[in-house]
Amino acid sequence: MGRLAKLLFVRVVRVNASPHRVASGVAVGVWLGVFPTFGLAGPAAYALAWIFRFNKAGALAGAAIMNPLTSPLFWAASAMLGAAFTGTEWHAIYGLVRNEKYVWAFSRTTYAYLLGNLIIATATAALCYAGAFAAVRAREKRRRAKRERAAAAPPTSEH
């Protein structure tokens, strides 16, 4: 899993696209990955990236943020934040989400979860945008410096 994540990261960062396009693709994917899209985060992120001309690989990589390892963390954070805003017991929200019953019944508990999740998804997407933007910009800077060093180096003679 770690190797796949590293491969996706390298592919996204190495793309010859602007830092904004790559970071926007990542942010769209992350937002849709964290928000309850019921398994449609990847295709929806790809479609939005295509429509808005964001980086599609970044969108797919961002959508992969929600996985079996991270899901309970996002669910718990969303439940706690939603409970804080609505005065609902966070254990009830987390239990509802964990059992996936929130799909069928819209209640105050579902509202609390969605409110917390909206805030968590937006904040996570913003952080990932900033991180991806910085990573792509740093890679561009390293590539530019390498090209400048190569251009400034005296030609070598092989005779």
Foldseek 3Di string as FASTA:
>chain_A
DVVVLVVLLCVLLPDPDALQLSLVLLLQLQLLLLQPPPPCSLVVSQVVCVVVVGDNSNSNSNSVCDDPVCVLVSQLQLLVQLCVVQVDDSVVLSVCVVVVVLVPDPDSSVVSSNVSSNVVSNVVSVVSSVVSSVSNVVVVVVVVVVVVVVVPDDDDDPD
